[in-house]
Amino acid sequence: MATENKNLSLYDKTTIPNAKNLRFGIVVSEWNESITEGLYQGAIEALLDCGAKEENIVRWDVPGSFELTYGSKKMLQTLQVDAVIAIGSVIQGETKHFDFVCSATAQGIKDLNVQYDIPVIFCVLTDNTMQQAIERSGGKHGNKGTEAAIAAIKMASLGN
């Protein structure tokens, strides 16, 4: 497993551009809310730690991970943001639904990165179990939301 020996919350602040002049959008799935809220908290804490101002962070909620693409697209079209973080959690069930949602969401976020000149960061956990999701949303493996926020800052600052 990719995160087995990595803490997702660790970053060297001296290597991160200052985010004080950047605006961020965060689109959060309401499905698996206990997980997505943990991811959101990790993202917010990292953005603020790296200089982002609270008033320059906008949050929108969508029903599930499948809806992250549309929510992110509408955010790109209607707000002046430097990066969007799409936060979701899909946990394996007994049917192929997991595969379809994960694939469509990943492809949708990828498409937005091709279509728009503003980065959309994929912060969607695709875990086999709830325990794995807990471990990656503030548990023993750290917080993927933190990692996504650092990626958002770096990508928004790319070329500046």
Protein backbone atom coordinates (compact mmCIF):
# COMPACT_ATOMS: atom_id res chain seq x y z
CA MET A 1 0.00 0.00 0.00
CA ALA A 2 1.38 3.38 -1.10
CA THR A 3 0.90 5.17 2.22
CA GLU A 4 2.21 2.33 4.38
CA ASN A 5 5.46 4.11 5.26
CA LYS A 6 4.47 7.71 4.59
CA ASN A 7 2.79 10.28 6.79
CA LEU A 8 0.52 12.30 4.50
CA SER A 9 0.59 15.27 6.88
CA LEU A 10 4.33 15.90 6.82
CA TYR A 11 5.71 18.77 4.77
CA ASP A 12 8.67 21.11 4.95
CA LYS A 13 7.15 24.58 5.19
CA THR A 14 10.39 26.16 3.98
CA THR A 15 9.87 24.50 0.58
CA ILE A 16 6.25 25.64 0.16
CA PRO A 17 5.43 28.95 -1.55
CA ASN A 18 3.61 31.46 0.66
CA ALA A 19 -0.14 31.25 0.02
CA LYS A 20 -1.06 34.70 1.38
CA ASN A 21 -2.10 36.08 -2.03
CA LEU A 22 -3.83 32.94 -3.30
CA ARG A 23 -7.55 32.08 -3.35
CA PHE A 24 -8.65 28.49 -2.90
CA GLY A 25 -11.88 26.68 -3.55
CA ILE A 26 -12.65 23.45 -1.74
CA VAL A 27 -15.47 21.18 -2.93
CA VAL A 28 -16.41 18.61 -0.29
CA SER A 29 -18.49 15.46 -0.74
CA GLU A 30 -21.14 14.92 1.93
CA TRP A 31 -20.95 11.13 1.45
CA ASN A 32 -18.79 9.47 4.14
CA GLU A 33 -18.95 12.79 5.96
CA SER A 34 -16.82 11.76 8.93
CA ILE A 35 -13.98 11.07 6.50
CA THR A 36 -14.44 14.09 4.23
CA GLU A 37 -14.67 16.44 7.21
CA GLY A 38 -11.34 15.10 8.46
CA LEU A 39 -9.82 15.67 5.02
CA TYR A 40 -11.28 19.18 4.91
CA GLN A 41 -9.81 20.00 8.34
CA GLY A 42 -6.39 18.79 7.21
CA ALA A 43 -6.59 20.94 4.07
CA ILE A 44 -7.73 24.07 5.92
CA GLU A 45 -5.05 23.74 8.59
CA ALA A 46 -2.29 23.34 6.00
CA LEU A 47 -3.52 26.25 3.86
CA LEU A 48 -3.66 28.56 6.88
CA ASP A 49 -0.29 27.31 8.13
CA CYS A 50 1.23 28.24 4.77
CA GLY A 51 -0.15 31.77 4.82
CA ALA A 52 -3.57 31.52 3.17
CA LYS A 53 -6.18 33.88 4.57
CA GLU A 54 -9.50 32.47 5.78
CA GLU A 55 -11.43 34.94 3.65
CA ASN A 56 -9.63 33.59 0.56
CA ILE A 57 -10.91 30.04 1.07
CA VAL A 58 -14.37 29.12 -0.22
CA ARG A 59 -16.09 25.83 0.56
CA TRP A 60 -18.91 24.25 -1.42
CA ASP A 61 -20.57 20.94 -0.49
CA VAL A 62 -21.86 18.38 -3.00
CA PRO A 63 -23.82 15.16 -2.31
CA GLY A 64 -21.13 12.62 -3.26
CA SER A 65 -17.76 12.09 -4.90
CA PHE A 66 -19.34 11.64 -8.32
CA GLU A 67 -20.62 15.24 -8.06
CA LEU A 68 -17.16 16.66 -7.30
CA THR A 69 -16.42 17.18 -10.99
CA TYR A 70 -19.49 19.31 -11.59
CA GLY A 71 -19.04 21.24 -8.34
CA SER A 72 -15.40 21.92 -9.18
CA LYS A 73 -16.31 22.98 -12.72
CA LYS A 74 -18.95 25.44 -11.49
CA MET A 75 -16.44 26.82 -9.00
CA LEU A 76 -13.87 27.33 -11.76
CA GLN A 77 -16.48 29.07 -13.90
CA THR A 78 -17.94 31.38 -11.25
CA LEU A 79 -15.22 32.21 -8.72
CA GLN A 80 -11.79 33.76 -9.00
CA VAL A 81 -9.69 30.97 -7.49
CA ASP A 82 -6.08 29.96 -7.99
CA ALA A 83 -6.73 26.26 -7.24
CA VAL A 84 -9.59 23.95 -6.34
CA ILE A 85 -9.33 20.96 -4.01
CA ALA A 86 -11.91 18.22 -4.62
CA ILE A 87 -12.43 16.21 -1.42
CA GLY A 88 -14.25 12.89 -1.34
CA SER A 89 -14.23 9.36 0.00
CA VAL A 90 -15.38 6.20 -1.75
CA ILE A 91 -15.26 2.93 0.18
CA GLN A 92 -15.43 -0.47 -1.49
CA GLY A 93 -18.78 -2.19 -1.19
CA GLU A 94 -20.17 -5.44 -2.53
CA THR A 95 -20.93 -4.19 -6.05
CA LYS A 96 -19.06 -2.64 -8.97
CA HIS A 97 -20.49 0.78 -8.06
CA PHE A 98 -17.18 1.58 -6.32
CA ASP A 99 -15.23 1.04 -9.55
CA PHE A 100 -17.53 3.24 -11.61
CA VAL A 101 -17.60 6.11 -9.11
CA CYS A 102 -13.83 6.05 -8.58
CA SER A 103 -13.06 5.92 -12.28
CA ALA A 104 -15.56 8.59 -13.30
CA THR A 105 -14.46 10.93 -10.52
CA ALA A 106 -10.76 10.56 -11.34
CA GLN A 107 -11.41 11.04 -15.06
CA GLY A 108 -13.64 14.04 -14.39
CA ILE A 109 -11.04 15.79 -12.26
CA LYS A 110 -8.38 14.98 -14.87
CA ASP A 111 -10.59 16.48 -17.58
CA LEU A 112 -10.96 19.72 -15.62
CA ASN A 113 -7.18 19.96 -15.38
CA VAL A 114 -6.96 19.65 -19.15
CA GLN A 115 -9.84 22.04 -19.92
CA TYR A 116 -9.03 24.83 -17.45
CA ASP A 117 -5.91 26.79 -16.66
CA ILE A 118 -6.53 26.44 -12.93
CA PRO A 119 -5.40 23.30 -11.08
CA VAL A 120 -7.97 20.97 -9.55
CA ILE A 121 -6.42 18.73 -6.90
CA PHE A 122 -7.71 15.17 -6.54
CA CYS A 123 -8.24 14.52 -2.82
CA VAL A 124 -10.54 11.52 -3.07
CA LEU A 125 -9.82 8.52 -0.89
CA THR A 126 -10.63 5.25 -2.64
CA ASP A 127 -10.27 2.73 0.15
CA ASN A 128 -11.19 -0.89 0.62
CA THR A 129 -12.42 -0.36 4.19
CA MET A 130 -13.63 2.39 6.49
CA GLN A 131 -10.56 1.76 8.66
CA GLN A 132 -8.25 2.57 5.75
CA ALA A 133 -10.18 5.81 5.17
CA ILE A 134 -9.89 6.74 8.85
CA GLU A 135 -6.14 6.11 8.76
CA ARG A 136 -5.73 8.50 5.79
CA SER A 137 -8.02 11.29 6.97
CA GLY A 138 -6.20 12.17 10.18
CA GLY A 139 -5.29 8.73 11.50
CA LYS A 140 -2.04 6.80 11.64
CA HIS A 141 -1.07 7.63 8.04
CA GLY A 142 -1.71 11.35 8.50
CA ASN A 143 -4.13 13.34 6.41
CA LYS A 144 -4.52 13.28 2.64
CA GLY A 145 -6.27 16.66 2.95
CA THR A 146 -3.02 18.17 4.18
CA GLU A 147 -1.15 16.67 1.26
CA ALA A 148 -3.78 17.99 -1.17
CA ALA A 149 -3.52 21.52 0.25
CA ILE A 150 0.25 21.52 -0.20
CA ALA A 151 -0.22 20.30 -3.78
CA ALA A 152 -2.77 23.09 -4.37
CA ILE A 153 -0.35 25.75 -3.14
CA LYS A 154 2.49 24.38 -5.27
CA MET A 155 0.33 24.06 -8.38
CA ALA A 156 -1.25 27.51 -7.96
CA SER A 157 2.26 28.96 -7.66
CA LEU A 158 3.66 27.05 -10.62
CA GLY A 159 5.27 29.45 -13.06
CA ASN A 160 4.86 32.48 -10.77
